[in-house]
Amino acid sequence: MINLLVLKKAMNSSEVQGGAMIQMMEQSVNPHLGQKVDIQV
């Protein structure tokens, strides 16, 4: 039972780290995205 809880926690942790890695990689490819907003009227 304890082994399953540890495995589940490790899997959840890796999902969170994977999501953060994807976000960091997307920002490094397009670092200017989301930095400025151009509005003309």
N, C-alpha and C. Protein backbone atom coordinates (compact mmCIF):
# COMPACT_ATOMS: atom_id res chain seq x y z
N MET A 1 0.82 -1.20 0.00
CA MET A 1 0.00 0.00 0.00
C MET A 1 0.87 1.26 0.00
N ILE A 2 1.89 1.25 0.83
CA ILE A 2 2.77 2.42 0.91
C ILE A 2 3.50 2.62 -0.42
N ASN A 3 3.88 1.53 -1.07
CA ASN A 3 4.57 1.62 -2.36
C ASN A 3 3.69 2.32 -3.39
N LEU A 4 2.39 2.02 -3.39
CA LEU A 4 1.48 2.67 -4.33
C LEU A 4 1.35 4.16 -4.06
N LEU A 5 1.30 4.54 -2.79
CA LEU A 5 1.21 5.96 -2.44
C LEU A 5 2.46 6.72 -2.88
N VAL A 6 3.62 6.11 -2.67
CA VAL A 6 4.88 6.74 -3.07
C VAL A 6 4.94 6.86 -4.60
N LEU A 7 4.53 5.82 -5.30
CA LEU A 7 4.52 5.85 -6.76
C LEU A 7 3.58 6.92 -7.29
N LYS A 8 2.40 7.02 -6.69
CA LYS A 8 1.42 8.02 -7.12
C LYS A 8 1.96 9.44 -6.90
N LYS A 9 2.60 9.66 -5.77
CA LYS A 9 3.17 10.98 -5.48
C LYS A 9 4.30 11.31 -6.47
N ALA A 10 5.12 10.32 -6.79
CA ALA A 10 6.22 10.54 -7.74
C ALA A 10 5.67 10.85 -9.13
N MET A 11 4.61 10.16 -9.53
CA MET A 11 4.01 10.42 -10.84
C MET A 11 3.41 11.82 -10.90
N ASN A 12 2.74 12.23 -9.83
CA ASN A 12 2.14 13.56 -9.77
C ASN A 12 3.23 14.62 -9.83
N SER A 13 4.31 14.40 -9.12
CA SER A 13 5.42 15.34 -9.12
C SER A 13 6.03 15.47 -10.50
N SER A 14 6.18 14.35 -11.21
CA SER A 14 6.77 14.40 -12.55
C SER A 14 5.84 15.12 -13.52
N GLU A 15 4.51 14.99 -13.35
CA GLU A 15 3.57 15.71 -14.21
C GLU A 15 3.71 17.22 -14.01
N VAL A 16 3.82 17.63 -12.77
CA VAL A 16 3.96 19.07 -12.46
C VAL A 16 5.26 19.60 -13.05
N GLN A 17 6.34 18.85 -12.87
CA GLN A 17 7.64 19.27 -13.40
C GLN A 17 7.61 19.30 -14.93
N GLY A 18 6.93 18.35 -15.54
CA GLY A 18 6.82 18.31 -17.00
C GLY A 18 6.06 19.52 -17.52
N GLY A 19 4.98 19.89 -16.84
CA GLY A 19 4.21 21.08 -17.25
C GLY A 19 5.04 22.34 -17.14
N ALA A 20 5.81 22.46 -16.07
CA ALA A 20 6.67 23.63 -15.90
C ALA A 20 7.76 23.66 -16.96
N MET A 21 8.29 22.50 -17.32
CA MET A 21 9.32 22.43 -18.35
C MET A 21 8.77 22.85 -19.70
N ILE A 22 7.56 22.39 -20.03
CA ILE A 22 6.94 22.77 -21.30
C ILE A 22 6.72 24.28 -21.36
N GLN A 23 6.23 24.86 -20.28
CA GLN A 23 5.99 26.30 -20.25
C GLN A 23 7.31 27.06 -20.41
N MET A 24 8.36 26.62 -19.76
CA MET A 24 9.65 27.28 -19.85
C MET A 24 10.21 27.18 -21.27
N MET A 25 10.03 26.03 -21.92
CA MET A 25 10.52 25.86 -23.28
C MET A 25 9.74 26.73 -24.26
N GLU A 26 8.43 26.84 -24.07
CA GLU A 26 7.62 27.70 -24.95
C GLU A 26 8.06 29.16 -24.83
N GLN A 27 8.35 29.59 -23.62
CA GLN A 27 8.79 30.97 -23.43
C GLN A 27 10.17 31.21 -24.02
N SER A 28 11.03 30.21 -24.01
CA SER A 28 12.36 30.40 -24.55
C SER A 28 12.33 30.46 -26.08
N VAL A 29 11.36 29.80 -26.71
CA VAL A 29 11.23 29.84 -28.16
C VAL A 29 10.66 31.19 -28.61
N ASN A 30 9.66 31.68 -27.90
CA ASN A 30 9.03 32.96 -28.20
C ASN A 30 9.06 33.85 -26.96
N PRO A 31 10.22 34.37 -26.58
CA PRO A 31 10.32 35.12 -25.33
C PRO A 31 9.55 36.43 -25.33
N HIS A 32 9.22 36.95 -26.53
CA HIS A 32 8.53 38.23 -26.60
C HIS A 32 7.01 38.09 -26.46
N LEU A 33 6.49 36.87 -26.53
CA LEU A 33 5.05 36.68 -26.44
C LEU A 33 4.54 37.05 -25.05
N GLY A 34 3.49 37.83 -25.02
CA GLY A 34 2.88 38.20 -23.75
C GLY A 34 3.56 39.34 -23.04
N GLN A 35 4.59 39.90 -23.62
CA GLN A 35 5.31 40.98 -22.96
C GLN A 35 4.71 42.35 -23.24
N LYS A 36 4.13 42.53 -24.42
CA LYS A 36 3.59 43.84 -24.81
C LYS A 36 2.20 43.67 -25.38
N VAL A 37 1.42 44.73 -25.26
CA VAL A 37 0.10 44.78 -25.88
C VAL A 37 0.04 46.06 -26.71
N ASP A 38 -0.15 45.91 -28.02
CA ASP A 38 -0.29 47.07 -28.89
C ASP A 38 -1.78 47.33 -29.15
N ILE A 39 -2.20 48.54 -28.84
CA ILE A 39 -3.61 48.90 -29.04
C ILE A 39 -3.67 50.19 -29.84
N GLN A 40 -4.37 50.15 -30.96
CA GLN A 40 -4.62 51.36 -31.74
C GLN A 40 -6.10 51.59 -31.85
N VAL A 41 -6.49 52.85 -31.72
CA VAL A 41 -7.92 53.18 -31.84
C VAL A 41 -8.11 54.02 -33.06
